[in-house]
Amino acid sequence: MASSSGGAAATAAAAAARPGAQLAQTPDGLTLGEDFPYVCEVCLGPNPYVRMLKMPNSRECKISGRPYTAFRWKPGSEARYKETIVAAEVAIAKNVCQVCLMDMEYNLPVAVRDQLTGAGKGGERGVGGVQMPGSDVNKEFYWENQRQSLAAGTLQGYQELNAGGGAASVGANFEKLAALSRNNSHTPYYDRNLPKLCSFWARQTCNRVANGSCPYRPCCGVFRFPELASTQPELLSTLVRKLHAEGALGCMRDTSDEMEEIREALRDSQRGSRNEAIRNRYHGTEGDKLAAKYLDKAQSMAALTPPEDQGVVALWVGGLTADITQQDLRDAFYAYGEIAAVRMKPERRCALIEYTLRKSAEEAATALHRRLAIKGARLKLWWAKSQQAADNADARKYVSQAYGAPVPPPGEVAAFGAAGGASLYPSMNPSAMGARPDAR
């Protein structure tokens, strides 16, 4: 059975991910799980018109072990065919896509979302943080109740039922969630839909690369390798350069040590059990390598540290657009304390927000760092320079302009009459009348 879907495809996914929504009431009278899958926009692809193949009770869910209605489609001309791998009620229990098992709201692995939000700790937990059953009988009973709730339209989203325990953690880690989330980017990460890597090419045994009939990378002409992008960028650059110069067939026949190292790296990325990887991704356990990379990146994110000078009570805001006014800045910062002044610098597209109290400035910096947005523009936020640092910078600039050279550090003052002009402090120049550089 084939079904066509236009703009309703993305609308269905968005409506299903809404917390507390009646998930069975999808657009155009479709029934979620039976007429349309629970998938993210990345897996749907850039084409708003998707033709799907519906296969009722034709697959076994990788998590529950129960038969479910599977869907298969091609999200783009250069993409591979995508297929749902878990049942709809199983995906909704964790609010993940039925295909890629990434979180529907943040487009992140489950382990990253649960650790930063504080929800679902302990790995195998489902809706409301309830521990999922382990025995076959309890699994059957649990997932059958979930399926019936989905059919009746009473199955709620993951976010609403897990909001209580993780609300404080979400506020504390919202900066990291927003920075890591790929849903905030202008272009979705469609590399997830690329054709699979040709394992025969990686072993130098592909027989179809010569006549161009192999549908897998890089035999098909697609030279993008996300398997190497984050871990070994040097090998990725070398491989892409060789593929463009020699082609997939020439690179497969290349027996150099460099190409053997690249092929070994690609083979390493494909090792492991697929079913085990699916379970690790869904439950958010330690075996998910992608989640480990995201968590390492989250830990390395630097916080906005207040300056030691307690006299600094101003914040610097950069990236202003022409339609942002002084009142817009006041509206964004007034909730954290009394504002003494707002100084805008349109020529530099920045502004200074000065508070009356240091505590107010610290609260504003903590709350708005990496999440300040006004009129749709994401703005940069930093502490303003201290007055002492500004005075030192002005003094050095004044002396540099007066004598045509930068001021040397103490102990390294150039000799008088040196080539290119002497680098002297005003009080050290015997030909000057006093400290004024223009009095000679």
Protein backbone atom coordinates (compact mmCIF):
# COMPACT_ATOMS: atom_id res chain seq x y z
CA MET A 1 0.00 0.00 0.00
CA ALA A 2 1.35 3.42 -0.93
CA SER A 3 0.32 6.69 0.69
CA SER A 4 1.26 10.25 -0.33
CA SER A 5 1.80 13.07 2.18
CA GLY A 6 2.54 16.76 1.58
CA GLY A 7 2.93 19.51 4.12
CA ALA A 8 0.96 17.34 6.55
CA ALA A 9 4.09 15.20 7.03
CA ALA A 10 6.02 17.75 9.04
CA THR A 11 2.80 18.94 10.71
CA ALA A 12 2.04 15.44 11.92
CA ALA A 13 5.47 15.03 13.45
CA ALA A 14 5.29 18.44 15.13
CA ALA A 15 1.79 17.80 16.49
CA ALA A 16 2.80 14.41 17.83
CA ALA A 17 5.81 15.82 19.68
CA ARG A 18 3.76 18.48 21.46
CA PRO A 19 3.62 17.73 25.22
CA GLY A 20 0.25 16.38 26.33
CA ALA A 21 -1.14 16.34 22.80
CA GLN A 22 -3.76 13.84 21.72
CA LEU A 23 -1.32 11.90 19.61
CA ALA A 24 -3.91 9.91 17.65
CA GLN A 25 -5.52 13.10 16.29
CA THR A 26 -3.05 13.73 13.49
CA PRO A 27 -3.86 16.01 10.52
CA ASP A 28 -6.12 14.90 7.66
CA GLY A 29 -7.75 12.25 9.81
CA LEU A 30 -4.65 10.04 9.86
CA THR A 31 -4.07 7.66 12.76
CA LEU A 32 -0.59 7.91 14.21
CA GLY A 33 1.18 4.58 14.09
CA GLU A 34 -1.28 3.05 11.61
CA ASP A 35 -1.53 5.66 8.84
CA PHE A 36 1.55 7.76 9.54
CA PRO A 37 4.82 7.11 11.43
CA TYR A 38 6.18 9.06 14.39
CA VAL A 39 9.30 10.49 12.71
CA CYS A 40 11.44 13.64 12.79
CA GLU A 41 11.83 16.19 10.00
CA VAL A 42 15.36 15.01 9.22
CA CYS A 43 14.19 11.49 8.42
CA LEU A 44 11.32 12.86 6.32
CA GLY A 45 13.83 14.68 4.13
CA PRO A 46 13.71 18.05 2.36
CA ASN A 47 10.94 17.06 -0.08
CA PRO A 48 7.52 18.14 1.29
CA TYR A 49 5.84 15.39 -0.80
CA VAL A 50 6.80 11.94 0.44
CA ARG A 51 5.48 8.68 -0.97
CA MET A 52 5.45 6.00 1.73
CA LEU A 53 5.03 2.26 1.59
CA LYS A 54 2.83 0.97 4.41
CA MET A 55 3.42 -2.60 5.60
CA PRO A 56 0.85 -3.67 8.26
CA ASN A 57 2.24 -5.98 10.97
CA SER A 58 5.23 -6.86 8.80
CA ARG A 59 8.12 -6.09 11.18
CA GLU A 60 9.13 -6.99 14.72
CA CYS A 61 9.88 -4.08 17.02
CA LYS A 62 13.52 -4.07 18.10
CA ILE A 63 12.55 -3.02 21.66
CA SER A 64 9.20 -4.62 22.50
CA GLY A 65 9.47 -7.66 20.25
CA ARG A 66 5.88 -7.16 19.07
CA PRO A 67 4.71 -6.91 15.43
CA TYR A 68 3.89 -3.41 14.23
CA THR A 69 2.95 -1.47 11.09
CA ALA A 70 6.16 -0.43 9.36
CA PHE A 71 6.70 2.39 6.86
CA ARG A 72 9.33 2.73 4.16
CA TRP A 73 10.18 5.76 2.02
CA LYS A 74 13.01 7.57 0.28
CA PRO A 75 13.60 11.03 1.79
CA GLY A 76 15.61 12.45 -1.13
CA SER A 77 17.26 11.77 -4.47
CA GLU A 78 20.68 11.10 -2.90
CA ALA A 79 19.30 9.41 0.20
CA ARG A 80 18.78 5.76 0.98
CA TYR A 81 15.42 4.20 1.76
CA LYS A 82 14.43 4.77 5.40
CA GLU A 83 12.31 2.36 7.43
CA THR A 84 10.83 2.46 10.91
CA ILE A 85 12.59 0.10 13.32
CA VAL A 86 10.41 0.39 16.45
CA ALA A 87 6.65 0.55 17.03
CA ALA A 88 4.91 3.90 17.38
CA GLU A 89 3.95 3.38 21.03
CA VAL A 90 7.57 2.45 21.82
CA ALA A 91 8.87 5.64 20.18
CA ILE A 92 6.31 7.85 21.94
CA ALA A 93 7.25 6.34 25.32
CA LYS A 94 10.68 7.97 24.95
CA ASN A 95 9.62 10.78 22.57
CA VAL A 96 12.08 9.58 19.91
CA CYS A 97 11.88 9.14 16.14
CA GLN A 98 10.81 5.70 14.94
CA VAL A 99 13.73 5.65 12.49
CA CYS A 100 16.80 7.35 13.99
CA LEU A 101 15.76 7.10 17.68
CA MET A 102 16.82 10.72 18.28
CA ASP A 103 14.80 12.96 20.60
CA MET A 104 11.99 14.72 18.75
CA GLU A 105 12.37 18.04 20.59
CA TYR A 106 16.14 18.53 20.72
CA ASN A 107 17.27 16.08 17.99
CA LEU A 108 19.79 14.59 20.43
CA PRO A 109 20.46 11.05 21.67
CA VAL A 110 18.33 9.89 24.60
CA ALA A 111 21.31 9.64 26.96
CA VAL A 112 22.23 13.29 26.34
CA ARG A 113 18.68 14.53 26.80
CA ASP A 114 18.09 12.53 29.99
CA GLN A 115 21.37 13.56 31.62
CA LEU A 116 20.97 17.26 30.88
CA THR A 117 17.27 17.40 31.77
CA GLY A 118 17.47 15.07 34.76
CA ALA A 119 14.54 12.98 33.45
CA GLY A 120 14.47 9.22 33.02
CA LYS A 121 17.63 8.56 35.02
CA GLY A 122 18.52 4.93 35.35
CA GLY A 123 18.49 3.93 31.69
CA GLU A 124 15.52 1.71 30.95
CA ARG A 125 12.66 4.01 31.96
CA GLY A 126 9.66 5.02 29.93
CA VAL A 127 6.69 7.36 30.20
CA GLY A 128 6.60 9.18 33.52
CA GLY A 129 9.94 7.66 34.57
CA VAL A 130 8.32 4.25 35.12
CA GLN A 131 10.77 1.35 35.09
CA MET A 132 10.19 -0.70 31.96
CA PRO A 133 9.42 -4.42 32.43
CA GLY A 134 12.11 -7.02 31.94
CA SER A 135 10.25 -10.33 31.58
CA ASP A 136 8.51 -11.34 28.37
CA VAL A 137 5.06 -11.54 30.02
CA ASN A 138 5.33 -8.09 31.60
CA LYS A 139 6.66 -6.63 28.36
CA GLU A 140 3.68 -7.96 26.46
CA PHE A 141 1.24 -6.58 29.03
CA TYR A 142 2.97 -3.18 29.23
CA TRP A 143 3.27 -2.54 25.49
CA GLU A 144 -0.24 -3.80 24.78
CA ASN A 145 -1.60 -1.20 27.21
CA GLN A 146 0.53 1.43 25.49
CA ARG A 147 -0.80 0.41 22.07
CA GLN A 148 -4.41 0.56 23.27
CA SER A 149 -3.85 4.02 24.76
CA LEU A 150 -2.37 5.17 21.46
CA ALA A 151 -5.35 3.83 19.53
CA ALA A 152 -7.77 5.54 21.93
CA GLY A 153 -5.93 8.85 21.70
CA THR A 154 -5.11 8.97 25.42
CA LEU A 155 -1.37 8.26 25.23
CA GLN A 156 0.45 11.43 26.29
CA GLY A 157 3.87 12.69 25.27
CA TYR A 158 7.07 12.02 27.15
CA GLN A 159 7.76 15.66 28.04
CA GLU A 160 4.64 16.33 30.12
CA LEU A 161 4.91 13.17 32.21
CA ASN A 162 8.61 13.73 32.91
CA ALA A 163 8.47 17.49 33.52
CA GLY A 164 8.28 17.34 37.33
CA GLY A 165 11.63 15.82 38.23
CA GLY A 166 13.73 17.51 35.60
CA ALA A 167 12.41 21.08 35.56
CA ALA A 168 15.25 22.50 37.65
CA SER A 169 17.86 20.59 35.69
CA VAL A 170 16.46 21.84 32.38
CA GLY A 171 16.80 25.43 33.57
CA ALA A 172 20.39 24.87 34.67
CA ASN A 173 21.39 23.05 31.48
CA PHE A 174 19.22 24.88 28.96
CA GLU A 175 22.32 26.64 27.63
CA LYS A 176 23.98 23.32 26.80
CA LEU A 177 20.78 21.82 25.37
CA ALA A 178 20.26 24.82 23.11
CA ALA A 179 23.89 24.78 21.95
CA LEU A 180 23.90 21.04 21.22
CA SER A 181 20.44 20.85 19.67
CA ARG A 182 20.50 20.47 15.90
CA ASN A 183 16.88 21.61 15.65
CA ASN A 184 18.11 25.20 16.11
CA SER A 185 20.28 25.08 12.99
CA HIS A 186 19.09 26.61 9.73
CA THR A 187 19.81 23.43 7.73
CA PRO A 188 18.80 19.99 9.05
CA TYR A 189 21.49 17.35 9.31
CA TYR A 190 20.51 15.35 6.21
CA ASP A 191 23.80 13.41 6.24
CA ARG A 192 21.88 10.99 8.44
CA ASN A 193 19.98 9.95 5.29
CA LEU A 194 23.06 9.21 3.19
CA PRO A 195 23.43 5.80 1.49
CA LYS A 196 25.08 3.19 3.66
CA LEU A 197 28.80 2.58 3.45
CA CYS A 198 29.79 -0.20 1.03
CA SER A 199 31.47 -2.83 3.20
CA PHE A 200 32.78 -4.62 0.08
CA TRP A 201 34.51 -1.41 -1.08
CA ALA A 202 36.13 -1.07 2.36
CA ARG A 203 37.47 -4.64 1.90
CA GLN A 204 38.52 -4.00 -1.74
CA THR A 205 36.11 -6.65 -3.08
CA CYS A 206 33.21 -4.64 -4.58
CA ASN A 207 32.38 -6.02 -8.05
CA ARG A 208 29.76 -3.40 -8.94
CA VAL A 209 31.84 -0.25 -8.57
CA ALA A 210 33.36 -0.65 -12.05
CA ASN A 211 30.03 -0.41 -13.91
CA GLY A 212 28.48 2.08 -11.45
CA SER A 213 25.69 -0.22 -10.26
CA CYS A 214 26.61 -0.21 -6.56
CA PRO A 215 24.06 1.90 -4.59
CA TYR A 216 26.32 2.44 -1.56
CA ARG A 217 28.97 5.00 -0.65
CA PRO A 218 31.38 5.85 -2.20
CA CYS A 219 30.67 3.62 -5.21
CA CYS A 220 27.51 5.61 -6.03
CA GLY A 221 29.41 8.92 -6.28
CA VAL A 222 28.51 10.31 -2.83
CA PHE A 223 31.77 11.31 -1.14
CA ARG A 224 30.56 12.33 2.33
CA PHE A 225 31.67 10.33 5.35
CA PRO A 226 30.17 11.39 8.70
CA GLU A 227 31.85 8.31 10.21
CA LEU A 228 35.20 10.17 10.05
CA ALA A 229 34.08 13.79 10.33
CA SER A 230 34.32 14.15 14.12
CA THR A 231 37.00 11.58 14.98
CA GLN A 232 39.54 11.69 12.14
CA PRO A 233 39.15 14.84 10.02
CA GLU A 234 42.64 14.47 8.49
CA LEU A 235 41.82 11.05 7.08
CA LEU A 236 38.48 12.38 5.83
CA SER A 237 40.16 15.22 3.95
CA THR A 238 42.66 12.84 2.37
CA LEU A 239 39.96 10.36 1.35
CA VAL A 240 37.70 12.97 -0.25
CA ARG A 241 40.63 14.47 -2.15
CA LYS A 242 41.66 11.06 -3.49
CA LEU A 243 38.09 10.13 -4.44
CA HIS A 244 37.68 13.31 -6.49
CA ALA A 245 41.05 12.74 -8.17
CA GLU A 246 41.03 8.97 -8.77
CA GLY A 247 37.40 7.94 -8.34
CA ALA A 248 35.93 5.16 -6.19
CA LEU A 249 37.43 2.40 -8.32
CA GLY A 250 40.93 3.87 -8.24
CA CYS A 251 40.81 4.35 -4.46
CA MET A 252 39.59 0.77 -3.95
CA ARG A 253 42.55 -0.56 -5.93
CA ASP A 254 45.01 1.72 -4.09
CA THR A 255 47.13 -0.46 -1.79
CA SER A 256 49.15 2.31 -0.15
CA ASP A 257 49.51 2.44 3.64
CA GLU A 258 47.56 5.70 3.72
CA MET A 259 44.51 4.19 2.01
CA GLU A 260 44.74 1.07 4.14
CA GLU A 261 44.60 3.22 7.27
CA ILE A 262 41.50 4.98 5.92
CA ARG A 263 39.78 1.71 5.06
CA GLU A 264 40.56 0.32 8.51
CA ALA A 265 39.01 3.40 10.12
CA LEU A 266 35.86 2.94 8.04
CA ARG A 267 35.68 -0.75 8.94
CA ASP A 268 36.01 0.10 12.64
CA SER A 269 33.03 2.45 12.39
CA GLN A 270 30.85 -0.41 11.10
CA ARG A 271 31.77 -3.03 13.70
CA GLY A 272 29.35 -4.12 16.41
CA SER A 273 25.84 -5.51 16.71
CA ARG A 274 23.13 -3.38 15.10
CA ASN A 275 20.41 -4.64 17.47
CA GLU A 276 22.57 -3.87 20.48
CA ALA A 277 23.28 -0.39 19.14
CA ILE A 278 19.53 0.20 18.75
CA ARG A 279 18.87 -0.84 22.34
CA ASN A 280 21.71 1.34 23.63
CA ARG A 281 20.42 4.37 21.71
CA TYR A 282 16.83 3.87 22.84
CA HIS A 283 17.55 3.24 26.54
CA GLY A 284 20.38 5.78 26.72
CA THR A 285 22.96 3.36 28.11
CA GLU A 286 26.73 3.76 28.12
CA GLY A 287 27.17 1.81 24.90
CA ASP A 288 25.95 4.72 22.74
CA LYS A 289 29.14 6.19 21.28
CA LEU A 290 27.39 9.19 19.71
CA ALA A 291 25.90 10.16 23.07
CA ALA A 292 29.34 9.97 24.65
CA LYS A 293 30.66 12.48 22.10
CA TYR A 294 27.80 14.89 22.81
CA LEU A 295 28.31 14.61 26.59
CA ASP A 296 32.04 15.29 26.22
CA LYS A 297 31.20 18.37 24.18
CA ALA A 298 28.69 19.53 26.80
CA GLN A 299 31.26 19.19 29.58
CA SER A 300 33.79 21.23 27.62
CA MET A 301 31.46 24.21 27.19
CA ALA A 302 32.85 27.17 29.09
CA ALA A 303 30.62 29.15 31.42
CA LEU A 304 30.53 32.95 31.62
CA THR A 305 32.86 33.70 34.54
CA PRO A 306 32.38 37.07 36.31
CA PRO A 307 35.47 39.33 36.35
CA GLU A 308 37.46 39.74 39.56
CA ASP A 309 36.97 43.50 39.55
CA GLN A 310 33.82 43.97 41.65
CA GLY A 311 33.35 47.40 40.12
CA VAL A 312 32.26 45.88 36.80
CA VAL A 313 28.46 46.05 36.70
CA ALA A 314 27.96 46.27 32.92
CA LEU A 315 27.31 43.58 30.29
CA TRP A 316 28.29 43.72 26.62
CA VAL A 317 25.70 42.66 24.03
CA GLY A 318 26.82 42.04 20.44
CA GLY A 319 25.19 41.17 17.15
CA LEU A 320 22.43 43.79 17.30
CA THR A 321 20.22 44.24 14.27
CA ALA A 322 18.85 47.54 12.97
CA ASP A 323 15.35 46.94 14.34
CA ILE A 324 16.48 46.32 17.97
CA THR A 325 15.85 49.43 20.06
CA GLN A 326 17.02 50.55 23.48
CA GLN A 327 13.61 49.67 24.90
CA ASP A 328 13.93 46.12 23.57
CA LEU A 329 17.18 45.72 25.50
CA ARG A 330 15.62 47.12 28.65
CA ASP A 331 12.71 44.69 28.34
CA ALA A 332 15.13 41.77 28.06
CA PHE A 333 17.32 42.76 31.05
CA TYR A 334 15.07 44.61 33.49
CA ALA A 335 13.81 41.42 35.20
CA TYR A 336 17.21 40.84 36.85
CA GLY A 337 17.62 44.18 38.59
CA GLU A 338 17.60 47.95 38.26
CA ILE A 339 19.29 49.19 35.10
CA ALA A 340 21.38 52.35 35.43
CA ALA A 341 21.94 52.96 31.72
CA VAL A 342 21.73 51.36 28.29
CA ARG A 343 24.41 52.64 25.88
CA MET A 344 23.92 51.58 22.28
CA LYS A 345 26.67 51.70 19.64
CA PRO A 346 24.93 51.18 16.29
CA GLU A 347 28.16 51.56 14.29
CA ARG A 348 29.59 48.53 16.12
CA ARG A 349 26.27 46.69 16.40
CA CYS A 350 26.66 46.35 20.16
CA ALA A 351 25.41 47.85 23.42
CA LEU A 352 26.37 48.10 27.09
CA ILE A 353 23.82 47.27 29.79
CA GLU A 354 24.86 48.83 33.09
CA TYR A 355 23.20 47.72 36.33
CA THR A 356 23.21 49.51 39.67
CA LEU A 357 24.21 46.33 41.57
CA ARG A 358 26.85 43.71 40.78
CA LYS A 359 24.47 40.92 41.90
CA SER A 360 21.93 41.94 39.26
CA ALA A 361 24.56 41.83 36.51
CA GLU A 362 25.69 38.36 37.62
CA GLU A 363 22.12 37.03 37.58
CA ALA A 364 21.51 38.44 34.11
CA ALA A 365 24.78 36.98 32.78
CA THR A 366 23.98 33.54 34.18
CA ALA A 367 20.42 33.52 32.88
CA LEU A 368 20.98 34.96 29.39
CA HIS A 369 24.41 33.66 28.34
CA ARG A 370 24.07 31.67 25.07
CA ARG A 371 20.28 32.04 25.12
CA LEU A 372 19.70 35.77 24.57
CA ALA A 373 17.41 36.35 21.58
CA ILE A 374 15.57 39.57 20.67
CA LYS A 375 13.22 39.84 17.69
CA GLY A 376 14.41 36.54 16.30
CA ALA A 377 18.14 37.47 16.45
CA ARG A 378 20.46 35.44 18.67
CA LEU A 379 22.76 37.89 20.47
CA LYS A 380 26.16 37.48 22.10
CA LEU A 381 26.55 38.33 25.78
CA TRP A 382 29.76 39.00 27.69
CA TRP A 383 31.02 40.99 30.63
CA ALA A 384 32.14 44.53 29.84
CA LYS A 385 35.77 45.48 30.38
CA SER A 386 36.76 46.90 33.73
CA GLN A 387 37.60 50.60 33.93
CA GLN A 388 41.19 49.82 34.91
CA ALA A 389 41.70 47.65 31.81
CA ALA A 390 40.13 50.33 29.64
CA ASP A 391 42.38 53.04 31.13
CA ASN A 392 45.50 50.91 30.54
CA ALA A 393 44.48 50.28 26.94
CA ASP A 394 43.85 54.00 26.35
CA ALA A 395 47.23 54.93 27.87
CA ARG A 396 49.10 52.48 25.66
CA LYS A 397 47.24 53.68 22.58
CA TYR A 398 48.07 57.33 23.44
CA VAL A 399 51.79 56.69 23.84
CA SER A 400 51.91 54.48 20.74
CA GLN A 401 50.36 57.21 18.59
CA ALA A 402 52.62 59.87 20.10
CA TYR A 403 55.94 58.11 19.40
CA GLY A 404 55.05 55.94 16.41
CA ALA A 405 55.86 52.60 18.09
CA PRO A 406 54.31 50.39 20.74
CA VAL A 407 55.43 50.77 24.33
CA PRO A 408 58.09 48.14 25.18
CA PRO A 409 57.79 46.11 28.35
CA PRO A 410 59.90 47.19 31.36
CA GLY A 411 63.57 46.32 30.96
CA GLU A 412 63.47 46.27 27.15
CA VAL A 413 63.39 49.99 26.33
CA ALA A 414 65.07 50.75 22.98
CA ALA A 415 68.19 52.92 22.96
CA PHE A 416 67.95 56.61 22.12
CA GLY A 417 68.36 57.36 18.46
CA ALA A 418 67.70 53.78 17.38
CA ALA A 419 66.63 53.16 13.80
CA GLY A 420 62.94 53.66 13.19
CA GLY A 421 62.54 56.09 16.08
CA ALA A 422 62.97 55.70 19.83
CA SER A 423 60.35 53.89 21.92
CA LEU A 424 60.30 56.05 25.03
CA TYR A 425 57.94 56.98 27.78
CA PRO A 426 57.30 60.77 27.78
CA SER A 427 59.17 61.27 31.06
CA MET A 428 62.22 59.38 29.72
CA ASN A 429 62.83 61.56 26.66
CA PRO A 430 65.53 64.18 27.47
CA SER A 431 64.52 66.30 24.48
CA ALA A 432 60.92 66.62 25.62
CA MET A 433 59.77 69.49 27.83
CA GLY A 434 57.90 67.61 30.51
CA ALA A 435 55.60 64.68 29.82
CA ARG A 436 53.69 66.18 26.89
CA PRO A 437 54.80 64.56 23.60
CA ASP A 438 53.99 67.73 21.62
CA ALA A 439 56.28 69.89 23.82
CA ARG A 440 59.77 69.51 22.38
